[in-house]
Amino acid sequence: MGRTIQFDRDAAIDWVMNEIWRVGFEACSVKSISENLGITRSSFYNTFESRDTLFIEALHHYFQGSPDRKLSEYTESKRPLVLLCQVFREACRARANDPEHRGCLAVNSVSELVGVNDVLGPPLEEAMNQSIERFEHLLTYSVKLGELPDTSNVQQLALAIQNLLMGLNTLSKIVKSEQKLWATAEVTLRALGVYRE
């Protein structure tokens, strides 16, 4: 009979999320994770199944606290483009306030794993495609409300906004000022015709 695992699973997921965010997935071996959590390798596998399933769980944990999660509430807003701009402002604040300036876990992981890791690449691609779709739905709703003209190409705008978000998250590793990050985002949002206050 195996011994009972004596650790807080939620705290472990949070630690793993932050460690992957800090150093990347490939740098987080089962051995290093197990040692840092104070568990054996067999306890690791009994608890988390595999490093890949642990990554997916850590990624879901990350998404729960991500600034862009509020975009799912766009139908509750009479001005979804204001919500969009608020989310970008919050993303700039969150990235600037990160003392380690790690950027975005999901974007970092896309750069590290998509096209390289056959197990983790597809879920990351799916997450980014869902983000693009969320932008597209928000923009379609904005057209319906009259915030954007009927002639707006919401698919192209959604891709451009996703590109801005991914670029901003990467840029935040170098540009650490909230004001500079927001100024960068605002210029692009205005150029795309989606900036609203």
N, C-alpha and C. Protein backbone atom coordinates (compact mmCIF):
# COMPACT_ATOMS: atom_id res chain seq x y z
N MET A 1 0.84 -1.19 0.00
CA MET A 1 0.00 0.00 0.00
C MET A 1 0.88 1.25 0.00
N GLY A 2 0.64 2.15 -0.96
CA GLY A 2 1.45 3.37 -1.06
C GLY A 2 1.12 4.34 0.05
N ARG A 3 2.10 5.19 0.34
CA ARG A 3 1.85 6.17 1.40
C ARG A 3 1.04 7.34 0.86
N THR A 4 0.33 8.02 1.74
CA THR A 4 -0.50 9.16 1.37
C THR A 4 0.38 10.35 1.01
N ILE A 5 0.05 11.01 -0.07
CA ILE A 5 0.80 12.19 -0.48
C ILE A 5 0.46 13.33 0.47
N GLN A 6 1.48 13.99 0.99
CA GLN A 6 1.28 15.05 1.98
C GLN A 6 1.67 16.41 1.40
N PHE A 7 0.95 16.89 0.41
CA PHE A 7 1.21 18.23 -0.08
C PHE A 7 -0.07 18.81 -0.67
N ASP A 8 -0.09 20.12 -0.78
CA ASP A 8 -1.24 20.85 -1.30
C ASP A 8 -1.16 20.84 -2.83
N ARG A 9 -2.06 20.11 -3.45
CA ARG A 9 -2.04 19.95 -4.91
C ARG A 9 -2.20 21.29 -5.63
N ASP A 10 -3.11 22.14 -5.15
CA ASP A 10 -3.32 23.44 -5.79
C ASP A 10 -2.06 24.30 -5.71
N ALA A 11 -1.41 24.28 -4.55
CA ALA A 11 -0.16 25.04 -4.40
C ALA A 11 0.91 24.47 -5.32
N ALA A 12 0.92 23.15 -5.49
CA ALA A 12 1.88 22.51 -6.38
C ALA A 12 1.65 22.94 -7.83
N ILE A 13 0.40 22.97 -8.26
CA ILE A 13 0.07 23.40 -9.63
C ILE A 13 0.51 24.85 -9.82
N ASP A 14 0.25 25.68 -8.82
CA ASP A 14 0.64 27.09 -8.89
C ASP A 14 2.16 27.22 -9.00
N TRP A 15 2.90 26.45 -8.21
CA TRP A 15 4.36 26.50 -8.26
C TRP A 15 4.86 26.06 -9.63
N VAL A 16 4.31 24.95 -10.14
CA VAL A 16 4.73 24.44 -11.45
C VAL A 16 4.42 25.46 -12.54
N MET A 17 3.24 26.06 -12.49
CA MET A 17 2.88 27.09 -13.47
C MET A 17 3.92 28.20 -13.47
N ASN A 18 4.27 28.69 -12.29
CA ASN A 18 5.24 29.78 -12.20
C ASN A 18 6.63 29.37 -12.63
N GLU A 19 7.00 28.14 -12.35
CA GLU A 19 8.32 27.65 -12.75
C GLU A 19 8.40 27.50 -14.28
N ILE A 20 7.37 26.94 -14.89
CA ILE A 20 7.36 26.83 -16.36
C ILE A 20 7.34 28.22 -16.97
N TRP A 21 6.59 29.11 -16.40
CA TRP A 21 6.51 30.49 -16.88
C TRP A 21 7.89 31.15 -16.81
N ARG A 22 8.64 30.84 -15.75
CA ARG A 22 9.96 31.45 -15.54
C ARG A 22 11.04 30.87 -16.44
N VAL A 23 11.09 29.53 -16.55
CA VAL A 23 12.22 28.90 -17.25
C VAL A 23 11.83 28.12 -18.50
N GLY A 24 10.54 27.91 -18.73
CA GLY A 24 10.09 27.14 -19.89
C GLY A 24 9.82 25.69 -19.53
N PHE A 25 9.04 25.05 -20.39
CA PHE A 25 8.62 23.66 -20.14
C PHE A 25 9.79 22.70 -20.16
N GLU A 26 10.64 22.80 -21.18
CA GLU A 26 11.73 21.83 -21.33
C GLU A 26 12.72 21.87 -20.17
N ALA A 27 12.85 23.02 -19.51
CA ALA A 27 13.77 23.14 -18.38
C ALA A 27 13.20 22.55 -17.10
N CYS A 28 11.93 22.19 -17.11
CA CYS A 28 11.27 21.63 -15.92
C CYS A 28 11.17 20.11 -16.04
N SER A 29 12.17 19.43 -15.55
CA SER A 29 12.16 17.97 -15.61
C SER A 29 11.30 17.40 -14.48
N VAL A 30 10.90 16.16 -14.64
CA VAL A 30 10.16 15.47 -13.58
C VAL A 30 10.99 15.46 -12.31
N LYS A 31 12.28 15.23 -12.45
CA LYS A 31 13.19 15.19 -11.29
C LYS A 31 13.19 16.53 -10.56
N SER A 32 13.36 17.63 -11.29
CA SER A 32 13.43 18.94 -10.61
C SER A 32 12.08 19.32 -10.00
N ILE A 33 10.99 19.02 -10.70
CA ILE A 33 9.67 19.32 -10.15
C ILE A 33 9.43 18.50 -8.88
N SER A 34 9.72 17.20 -8.94
CA SER A 34 9.53 16.32 -7.78
C SER A 34 10.34 16.80 -6.58
N GLU A 35 11.60 17.13 -6.83
CA GLU A 35 12.46 17.59 -5.73
C GLU A 35 11.93 18.88 -5.11
N ASN A 36 11.52 19.82 -5.95
CA ASN A 36 11.01 21.10 -5.44
C ASN A 36 9.69 20.95 -4.71
N LEU A 37 8.89 19.97 -5.11
CA LEU A 37 7.62 19.73 -4.43
C LEU A 37 7.78 18.82 -3.21
N GLY A 38 8.96 18.23 -3.08
CA GLY A 38 9.21 17.34 -1.94
C GLY A 38 8.50 16.00 -2.06
N ILE A 39 8.38 15.50 -3.30
CA ILE A 39 7.73 14.21 -3.52
C ILE A 39 8.67 13.32 -4.34
N THR A 40 8.39 12.03 -4.31
CA THR A 40 9.18 11.10 -5.12
C THR A 40 8.68 11.13 -6.56
N ARG A 41 9.49 10.57 -7.45
CA ARG A 41 9.07 10.50 -8.86
C ARG A 41 7.81 9.64 -9.01
N SER A 42 7.72 8.56 -8.23
CA SER A 42 6.52 7.73 -8.33
C SER A 42 5.30 8.49 -7.84
N SER A 43 5.46 9.31 -6.79
CA SER A 43 4.34 10.15 -6.33
C SER A 43 3.97 11.18 -7.40
N PHE A 44 4.98 11.69 -8.09
CA PHE A 44 4.72 12.64 -9.17
C PHE A 44 3.80 11.99 -10.21
N TYR A 45 4.18 10.80 -10.67
CA TYR A 45 3.40 10.12 -11.71
C TYR A 45 2.02 9.69 -11.19
N ASN A 46 1.94 9.29 -9.92
CA ASN A 46 0.64 8.92 -9.35
C ASN A 46 -0.28 10.13 -9.24
N THR A 47 0.29 11.28 -8.97
CA THR A 47 -0.50 12.50 -8.77
C THR A 47 -0.83 13.20 -10.08
N PHE A 48 0.17 13.34 -10.95
CA PHE A 48 0.01 14.17 -12.15
C PHE A 48 -0.03 13.38 -13.46
N GLU A 49 0.21 12.11 -13.42
CA GLU A 49 0.20 11.23 -14.59
C GLU A 49 1.46 11.39 -15.44
N SER A 50 1.70 12.60 -15.93
CA SER A 50 2.88 12.85 -16.75
C SER A 50 3.22 14.33 -16.70
N ARG A 51 4.38 14.67 -17.18
CA ARG A 51 4.79 16.07 -17.25
C ARG A 51 3.88 16.83 -18.21
N ASP A 52 3.46 16.18 -19.29
CA ASP A 52 2.57 16.82 -20.27
C ASP A 52 1.21 17.15 -19.66
N THR A 53 0.62 16.20 -18.93
CA THR A 53 -0.69 16.48 -18.33
C THR A 53 -0.58 17.54 -17.24
N LEU A 54 0.55 17.56 -16.54
CA LEU A 54 0.78 18.60 -15.54
C LEU A 54 0.88 19.97 -16.22
N PHE A 55 1.55 20.03 -17.36
CA PHE A 55 1.65 21.30 -18.10
C PHE A 55 0.27 21.81 -18.49
N ILE A 56 -0.56 20.92 -19.02
CA ILE A 56 -1.92 21.32 -19.44
C ILE A 56 -2.70 21.85 -18.24
N GLU A 57 -2.56 21.18 -17.11
CA GLU A 57 -3.26 21.64 -15.90
C GLU A 57 -2.72 23.00 -15.44
N ALA A 58 -1.41 23.17 -15.51
CA ALA A 58 -0.81 24.46 -15.13
C ALA A 58 -1.25 25.56 -16.10
N LEU A 59 -1.37 25.23 -17.38
CA LEU A 59 -1.82 26.21 -18.38
C LEU A 59 -3.26 26.63 -18.11
N HIS A 60 -4.12 25.69 -17.78
CA HIS A 60 -5.51 26.02 -17.44
C HIS A 60 -5.56 26.90 -16.19
N HIS A 61 -4.71 26.60 -15.23
CA HIS A 61 -4.62 27.42 -14.01
C HIS A 61 -4.21 28.85 -14.38
N TYR A 62 -3.26 28.97 -15.28
CA TYR A 62 -2.80 30.29 -15.74
C TYR A 62 -3.94 31.06 -16.41
N PHE A 63 -4.69 30.39 -17.27
CA PHE A 63 -5.78 31.06 -17.99
C PHE A 63 -6.84 31.62 -17.04
N GLN A 64 -7.03 30.98 -15.90
CA GLN A 64 -8.03 31.46 -14.93
C GLN A 64 -7.69 32.83 -14.38
N GLY A 65 -6.41 33.19 -14.36
CA GLY A 65 -6.00 34.49 -13.85
C GLY A 65 -5.53 35.45 -14.91
N SER A 66 -5.65 35.07 -16.16
CA SER A 66 -5.14 35.88 -17.27
C SER A 66 -6.03 37.11 -17.49
N PRO A 67 -5.41 38.28 -17.76
CA PRO A 67 -6.21 39.50 -17.95
C PRO A 67 -7.27 39.40 -19.05
N ASP A 68 -7.01 38.62 -20.09
CA ASP A 68 -7.97 38.57 -21.21
C ASP A 68 -9.17 37.65 -20.95
N ARG A 69 -9.23 37.02 -19.79
CA ARG A 69 -10.40 36.17 -19.46
C ARG A 69 -11.68 37.00 -19.45
N LYS A 70 -11.57 38.30 -19.16
CA LYS A 70 -12.75 39.18 -19.10
C LYS A 70 -13.41 39.35 -20.46
N LEU A 71 -12.69 39.04 -21.52
CA LEU A 71 -13.27 39.19 -22.86
C LEU A 71 -14.45 38.26 -23.08
N SER A 72 -14.54 37.22 -22.30
CA SER A 72 -15.67 36.29 -22.41
C SER A 72 -16.98 36.95 -21.99
N GLU A 73 -16.89 38.08 -21.30
CA GLU A 73 -18.07 38.77 -20.79
C GLU A 73 -18.55 39.86 -21.74
N TYR A 74 -18.08 39.86 -22.99
CA TYR A 74 -18.37 40.97 -23.90
C TYR A 74 -19.86 41.17 -24.15
N THR A 75 -20.68 40.12 -24.09
CA THR A 75 -22.11 40.29 -24.36
C THR A 75 -22.83 41.01 -23.22
N GLU A 76 -22.17 41.09 -22.07
CA GLU A 76 -22.75 41.83 -20.95
C GLU A 76 -22.48 43.33 -21.07
N SER A 77 -21.63 43.69 -22.03
CA SER A 77 -21.24 45.08 -22.20
C SER A 77 -22.00 45.72 -23.36
N LYS A 78 -22.42 46.95 -23.16
CA LYS A 78 -23.05 47.69 -24.25
C LYS A 78 -21.99 48.32 -25.14
N ARG A 79 -20.73 48.29 -24.66
CA ARG A 79 -19.62 48.85 -25.42
C ARG A 79 -18.44 47.87 -25.38
N PRO A 80 -18.50 46.81 -26.16
CA PRO A 80 -17.45 45.79 -26.11
C PRO A 80 -16.06 46.30 -26.47
N LEU A 81 -15.97 47.33 -27.31
CA LEU A 81 -14.64 47.85 -27.65
C LEU A 81 -14.00 48.56 -26.46
N VAL A 82 -14.81 49.16 -25.60
CA VAL A 82 -14.29 49.73 -24.36
C VAL A 82 -13.71 48.60 -23.50
N LEU A 83 -14.44 47.50 -23.40
CA LEU A 83 -13.97 46.33 -22.67
C LEU A 83 -12.65 45.83 -23.26
N LEU A 84 -12.57 45.75 -24.58
CA LEU A 84 -11.35 45.32 -25.25
C LEU A 84 -10.17 46.19 -24.84
N CYS A 85 -10.35 47.50 -24.88
CA CYS A 85 -9.27 48.42 -24.51
C CYS A 85 -8.92 48.30 -23.04
N GLN A 86 -9.91 48.10 -22.19
CA GLN A 86 -9.65 47.91 -20.76
C GLN A 86 -8.82 46.65 -20.53
N VAL A 87 -9.11 45.60 -21.28
CA VAL A 87 -8.36 44.35 -21.15
C VAL A 87 -6.90 44.57 -21.56
N PHE A 88 -6.69 45.31 -22.64
CA PHE A 88 -5.31 45.60 -23.06
C PHE A 88 -4.60 46.45 -22.01
N ARG A 89 -5.30 47.42 -21.44
CA ARG A 89 -4.69 48.25 -20.41
C ARG A 89 -4.31 47.38 -19.20
N GLU A 90 -5.20 46.47 -18.82
CA GLU A 90 -4.93 45.57 -17.70
C GLU A 90 -3.77 44.63 -18.02
N ALA A 91 -3.68 44.16 -19.25
CA ALA A 91 -2.56 43.30 -19.65
C ALA A 91 -1.25 44.06 -19.52
N CYS A 92 -1.23 45.32 -19.95
CA CYS A 92 -0.02 46.15 -19.82
C CYS A 92 0.36 46.31 -18.35
N ARG A 93 -0.63 46.55 -17.51
CA ARG A 93 -0.39 46.71 -16.07
C ARG A 93 0.16 45.40 -15.48
N ALA A 94 -0.47 44.30 -15.81
CA ALA A 94 -0.04 43.00 -15.27
C ALA A 94 1.38 42.67 -15.69
N ARG A 95 1.70 42.90 -16.95
CA ARG A 95 3.05 42.59 -17.44
C ARG A 95 4.09 43.51 -16.81
N ALA A 96 3.77 44.79 -16.67
CA ALA A 96 4.72 45.73 -16.07
C ALA A 96 4.92 45.46 -14.59
N ASN A 97 3.89 44.98 -13.91
CA ASN A 97 3.97 44.72 -12.47
C ASN A 97 4.60 43.37 -12.13
N ASP A 98 4.88 42.56 -13.13
CA ASP A 98 5.54 41.27 -12.88
C ASP A 98 7.01 41.54 -12.60
N PRO A 99 7.48 41.30 -11.38
CA PRO A 99 8.87 41.61 -11.04
C PRO A 99 9.89 40.81 -11.87
N GLU A 100 9.47 39.68 -12.41
CA GLU A 100 10.39 38.87 -13.21
C GLU A 100 10.27 39.15 -14.71
N HIS A 101 9.28 39.94 -15.11
CA HIS A 101 9.05 40.30 -16.51
C HIS A 101 9.11 39.07 -17.41
N ARG A 102 8.21 38.13 -17.12
CA ARG A 102 8.18 36.84 -17.82
C ARG A 102 7.34 36.86 -19.08
N GLY A 103 6.61 37.93 -19.33
CA GLY A 103 5.70 37.93 -20.47
C GLY A 103 4.49 37.07 -20.15
N CYS A 104 4.00 36.35 -21.13
CA CYS A 104 2.80 35.51 -21.00
C CYS A 104 3.20 34.04 -21.09
N LEU A 105 2.75 33.25 -20.15
CA LEU A 105 3.06 31.82 -20.15
C LEU A 105 2.62 31.16 -21.45
N ALA A 106 1.42 31.47 -21.91
CA ALA A 106 0.90 30.83 -23.12
C ALA A 106 1.71 31.22 -24.35
N VAL A 107 2.02 32.51 -24.49
CA VAL A 107 2.79 32.98 -25.64
C VAL A 107 4.20 32.41 -25.60
N ASN A 108 4.82 32.40 -24.42
CA ASN A 108 6.15 31.80 -24.28
C ASN A 108 6.12 30.33 -24.69
N SER A 109 5.07 29.64 -24.28
CA SER A 109 4.95 28.21 -24.57
C SER A 109 4.69 27.96 -26.05
N VAL A 110 3.94 28.84 -26.69
CA VAL A 110 3.74 28.72 -28.15
C VAL A 110 5.09 28.78 -28.84
N SER A 111 5.91 29.75 -28.45
CA SER A 111 7.23 29.90 -29.07
C SER A 111 8.11 28.68 -28.82
N GLU A 112 7.99 28.10 -27.64
CA GLU A 112 8.83 26.96 -27.27
C GLU A 112 8.33 25.63 -27.84
N LEU A 113 7.01 25.43 -27.90
CA LEU A 113 6.49 24.08 -28.12
C LEU A 113 5.73 23.84 -29.42
N VAL A 114 5.08 24.86 -29.97
CA VAL A 114 4.29 24.64 -31.19
C VAL A 114 5.24 24.33 -32.35
N GLY A 115 4.91 23.28 -33.07
CA GLY A 115 5.75 22.84 -34.18
C GLY A 115 6.92 21.97 -33.76
N VAL A 116 7.08 21.79 -32.45
CA VAL A 116 8.20 21.01 -31.92
C VAL A 116 7.70 19.83 -31.10
N ASN A 117 6.69 20.08 -30.27
CA ASN A 117 6.17 19.06 -29.36
C ASN A 117 4.80 18.62 -29.88
N ASP A 118 4.73 17.36 -30.33
CA ASP A 118 3.49 16.85 -30.93
C ASP A 118 2.35 16.67 -29.93
N VAL A 119 2.65 16.62 -28.65
CA VAL A 119 1.62 16.46 -27.63
C VAL A 119 1.10 17.82 -27.16
N LEU A 120 2.01 18.74 -26.86
CA LEU A 120 1.61 20.02 -26.27
C LEU A 120 1.40 21.12 -27.31
N GLY A 121 1.98 20.98 -28.48
CA GLY A 121 1.78 21.98 -29.52
C GLY A 121 0.32 22.16 -29.91
N PRO A 122 -0.40 21.07 -30.22
CA PRO A 122 -1.81 21.22 -30.62
C PRO A 122 -2.72 21.91 -29.59
N PRO A 123 -2.64 21.58 -28.28
CA PRO A 123 -3.50 22.32 -27.35
C PRO A 123 -3.16 23.81 -27.26
N LEU A 124 -1.87 24.13 -27.44
CA LEU A 124 -1.49 25.54 -27.44
C LEU A 124 -2.03 26.25 -28.68
N GLU A 125 -1.94 25.58 -29.83
CA GLU A 125 -2.53 26.14 -31.05
C GLU A 125 -4.03 26.35 -30.86
N GLU A 126 -4.69 25.38 -30.27
CA GLU A 126 -6.13 25.48 -30.03
C GLU A 126 -6.45 26.66 -29.11
N ALA A 127 -5.64 26.85 -28.08
CA ALA A 127 -5.86 27.98 -27.15
C ALA A 127 -5.73 29.31 -27.88
N MET A 128 -4.73 29.43 -28.76
CA MET A 128 -4.55 30.68 -29.51
C MET A 128 -5.69 30.87 -30.51
N ASN A 129 -6.11 29.80 -31.15
CA ASN A 129 -7.24 29.90 -32.09
C ASN A 129 -8.53 30.28 -31.36
N GLN A 130 -8.71 29.78 -30.15
CA GLN A 130 -9.89 30.17 -29.36
C GLN A 130 -9.83 31.64 -28.99
N SER A 131 -8.64 32.14 -28.72
CA SER A 131 -8.48 33.55 -28.42
C SER A 131 -8.84 34.40 -29.64
N ILE A 132 -8.39 33.98 -30.81
CA ILE A 132 -8.73 34.69 -32.05
C ILE A 132 -10.24 34.68 -32.26
N GLU A 133 -10.86 33.52 -32.06
CA GLU A 133 -12.32 33.42 -32.20
C GLU A 133 -13.05 34.32 -31.21
N ARG A 134 -12.52 34.41 -29.99
CA ARG A 134 -13.14 35.28 -28.99
C ARG A 134 -13.08 36.74 -29.45
N PHE A 135 -11.94 37.14 -30.01
CA PHE A 135 -11.84 38.50 -30.56
C PHE A 135 -12.82 38.68 -31.71
N GLU A 136 -12.92 37.67 -32.56
CA GLU A 136 -13.83 37.75 -33.71
C GLU A 136 -15.29 37.89 -33.25
N HIS A 137 -15.68 37.13 -32.25
CA HIS A 137 -17.05 37.22 -31.72
C HIS A 137 -17.30 38.61 -31.11
N LEU A 138 -16.33 39.11 -30.36
CA LEU A 138 -16.46 40.44 -29.76
C LEU A 138 -16.62 41.50 -30.85
N LEU A 139 -15.82 41.40 -31.90
CA LEU A 139 -15.88 42.38 -32.99
C LEU A 139 -17.20 42.27 -33.76
N THR A 140 -17.66 41.05 -33.98
CA THR A 140 -18.96 40.85 -34.64
C THR A 140 -20.07 41.48 -33.82
N TYR A 141 -20.00 41.31 -32.51
CA TYR A 141 -20.97 41.92 -31.61
C TYR A 141 -20.88 43.45 -31.68
N SER A 142 -19.65 43.97 -31.79
CA SER A 142 -19.45 45.42 -31.91
C SER A 142 -20.08 45.96 -33.19
N VAL A 143 -19.97 45.20 -34.27
CA VAL A 143 -20.62 45.59 -35.53
C VAL A 143 -22.14 45.62 -35.33
N LYS A 144 -22.65 44.58 -34.69
CA LYS A 144 -24.10 44.48 -34.45
C LYS A 144 -24.61 45.67 -33.63
N LEU A 145 -23.80 46.14 -32.67
CA LEU A 145 -24.18 47.27 -31.83
C LEU A 145 -23.93 48.62 -32.49
N GLY A 146 -23.26 48.60 -33.65
CA GLY A 146 -22.97 49.85 -34.34
C GLY A 146 -21.67 50.52 -33.91
N GLU A 147 -20.88 49.85 -33.09
CA GLU A 147 -19.58 50.40 -32.68
C GLU A 147 -18.59 50.37 -33.84
N LEU A 148 -18.72 49.40 -34.69
CA LEU A 148 -17.88 49.27 -35.88
C LEU A 148 -18.77 49.26 -37.11
N PRO A 149 -18.26 49.73 -38.25
CA PRO A 149 -19.07 49.72 -39.48
C PRO A 149 -19.35 48.29 -39.96
N ASP A 150 -20.46 48.14 -40.68
CA ASP A 150 -20.85 46.83 -41.25
C ASP A 150 -19.79 46.28 -42.19
N THR A 151 -18.98 47.16 -42.75
CA THR A 151 -17.96 46.75 -43.72
C THR A 151 -16.69 46.22 -43.05
N SER A 152 -16.65 46.22 -41.73
CA SER A 152 -15.45 45.77 -41.01
C SER A 152 -15.16 44.30 -41.30
N ASN A 153 -13.90 44.00 -41.56
CA ASN A 153 -13.47 42.61 -41.74
C ASN A 153 -13.06 42.09 -40.36
N VAL A 154 -14.02 41.53 -39.65
CA VAL A 154 -13.77 41.13 -38.26
C VAL A 154 -12.73 40.01 -38.15
N GLN A 155 -12.63 39.18 -39.17
CA GLN A 155 -11.63 38.11 -39.12
C GLN A 155 -10.22 38.69 -39.17
N GLN A 156 -9.99 39.62 -40.09
CA GLN A 156 -8.67 40.25 -40.17
C GLN A 156 -8.36 41.07 -38.93
N LEU A 157 -9.36 41.79 -38.44
CA LEU A 157 -9.17 42.58 -37.22
C LEU A 157 -8.84 41.67 -36.04
N ALA A 158 -9.52 40.55 -35.93
CA ALA A 158 -9.27 39.61 -34.83
C ALA A 158 -7.83 39.08 -34.88
N LEU A 159 -7.36 38.76 -36.07
CA LEU A 159 -5.98 38.29 -36.22
C LEU A 159 -4.99 39.39 -35.83
N ALA A 160 -5.28 40.62 -36.25
CA ALA A 160 -4.39 41.74 -35.92
C ALA A 160 -4.37 42.00 -34.42
N ILE A 161 -5.52 41.90 -33.78
CA ILE A 161 -5.59 42.11 -32.33
C ILE A 161 -4.87 40.99 -31.58
N GLN A 162 -5.01 39.76 -32.06
CA GLN A 162 -4.27 38.65 -31.44
C GLN A 162 -2.77 38.87 -31.61
N ASN A 163 -2.37 39.32 -32.78
CA ASN A 163 -0.97 39.62 -33.05
C ASN A 163 -0.46 40.69 -32.08
N LEU A 164 -1.27 41.73 -31.86
CA LEU A 164 -0.91 42.78 -30.92
C LEU A 164 -0.73 42.20 -29.52
N LEU A 165 -1.67 41.39 -29.08
CA LEU A 165 -1.60 40.82 -27.74
C LEU A 165 -0.36 39.94 -27.56
N MET A 166 -0.08 39.10 -28.55
CA MET A 166 1.09 38.23 -28.46
C MET A 166 2.38 39.05 -28.49
N GLY A 167 2.43 40.04 -29.38
CA GLY A 167 3.61 40.89 -29.47
C GLY A 167 3.84 41.69 -28.20
N LEU A 168 2.77 42.23 -27.65
CA LEU A 168 2.85 43.01 -26.42
C LEU A 168 3.38 42.16 -25.27
N ASN A 169 2.91 40.92 -25.19
CA ASN A 169 3.38 40.02 -24.14
C ASN A 169 4.86 39.70 -24.28
N THR A 170 5.34 39.60 -25.50
CA THR A 170 6.77 39.36 -25.71
C THR A 170 7.56 40.63 -25.44
N LEU A 171 7.07 41.76 -25.94
CA LEU A 171 7.74 43.05 -25.73
C LEU A 171 7.89 43.38 -24.25
N SER A 172 6.93 42.94 -23.44
CA SER A 172 6.95 43.26 -22.01
C SER A 172 8.14 42.63 -21.27
N LYS A 173 8.83 41.71 -21.91
CA LYS A 173 10.04 41.15 -21.31
C LYS A 173 11.19 42.15 -21.39
N ILE A 174 11.07 43.11 -22.33
CA ILE A 174 12.11 44.11 -22.56
C ILE A 174 11.66 45.49 -22.09
N VAL A 175 10.47 45.89 -22.52
CA VAL A 175 9.90 47.18 -22.13
C VAL A 175 9.10 46.93 -20.85
N LYS A 176 9.56 47.50 -19.76
CA LYS A 176 8.99 47.15 -18.46
C LYS A 176 8.09 48.24 -17.88
N SER A 177 7.86 49.28 -18.63
CA SER A 177 7.03 50.40 -18.18
C SER A 177 5.59 50.20 -18.63
N GLU A 178 4.67 50.28 -17.69
CA GLU A 178 3.25 50.16 -18.03
C GLU A 178 2.84 51.24 -19.02
N GLN A 179 3.32 52.47 -18.82
CA GLN A 179 2.96 53.58 -19.70
C GLN A 179 3.44 53.33 -21.13
N LYS A 180 4.66 52.84 -21.28
CA LYS A 180 5.20 52.57 -22.62
C LYS A 180 4.47 51.41 -23.28
N LEU A 181 4.17 50.38 -22.51
CA LEU A 181 3.43 49.25 -23.07
C LEU A 181 2.04 49.70 -23.52
N TRP A 182 1.37 50.48 -22.67
CA TRP A 182 0.03 50.94 -23.02
C TRP A 182 0.08 51.87 -24.24
N ALA A 183 1.09 52.76 -24.30
CA ALA A 183 1.22 53.66 -25.46
C ALA A 183 1.37 52.84 -26.74
N THR A 184 2.14 51.78 -26.68
CA THR A 184 2.32 50.89 -27.83
C THR A 184 0.99 50.25 -28.23
N ALA A 185 0.27 49.73 -27.25
CA ALA A 185 -1.02 49.10 -27.53
C ALA A 185 -2.02 50.11 -28.07
N GLU A 186 -2.06 51.29 -27.47
CA GLU A 186 -3.03 52.31 -27.88
C GLU A 186 -2.82 52.73 -29.33
N VAL A 187 -1.57 52.92 -29.74
CA VAL A 187 -1.29 53.30 -31.13
C VAL A 187 -1.87 52.26 -32.09
N THR A 188 -1.65 50.99 -31.78
CA THR A 188 -2.14 49.92 -32.66
C THR A 188 -3.66 49.82 -32.63
N LEU A 189 -4.24 49.90 -31.45
CA LEU A 189 -5.70 49.84 -31.33
C LEU A 189 -6.36 50.99 -32.10
N ARG A 190 -5.76 52.18 -32.02
CA ARG A 190 -6.29 53.32 -32.78
C ARG A 190 -6.14 53.09 -34.28
N ALA A 191 -4.98 52.59 -34.69
CA ALA A 191 -4.74 52.35 -36.12
C ALA A 191 -5.72 51.32 -36.67
N LEU A 192 -6.10 50.36 -35.86
CA LEU A 192 -7.07 49.33 -36.28
C LEU A 192 -8.51 49.83 -36.22
N GLY A 193 -8.70 51.01 -35.62
CA GLY A 193 -10.05 51.58 -35.53
C GLY A 193 -10.90 50.97 -34.44
N VAL A 194 -10.27 50.35 -33.45
CA VAL A 194 -11.03 49.70 -32.37
C VAL A 194 -10.81 50.35 -31.01
N TYR A 195 -10.06 51.45 -30.98
CA TYR A 195 -9.81 52.11 -29.70
C TYR A 195 -11.07 52.86 -29.27
N ARG A 196 -11.49 52.63 -28.03
CA ARG A 196 -12.61 53.35 -27.44
C ARG A 196 -12.32 53.59 -25.96
N GLU A 197 -12.84 54.71 -25.44
CA GLU A 197 -12.69 55.02 -24.00
C GLU A 197 -14.02 54.90 -23.32
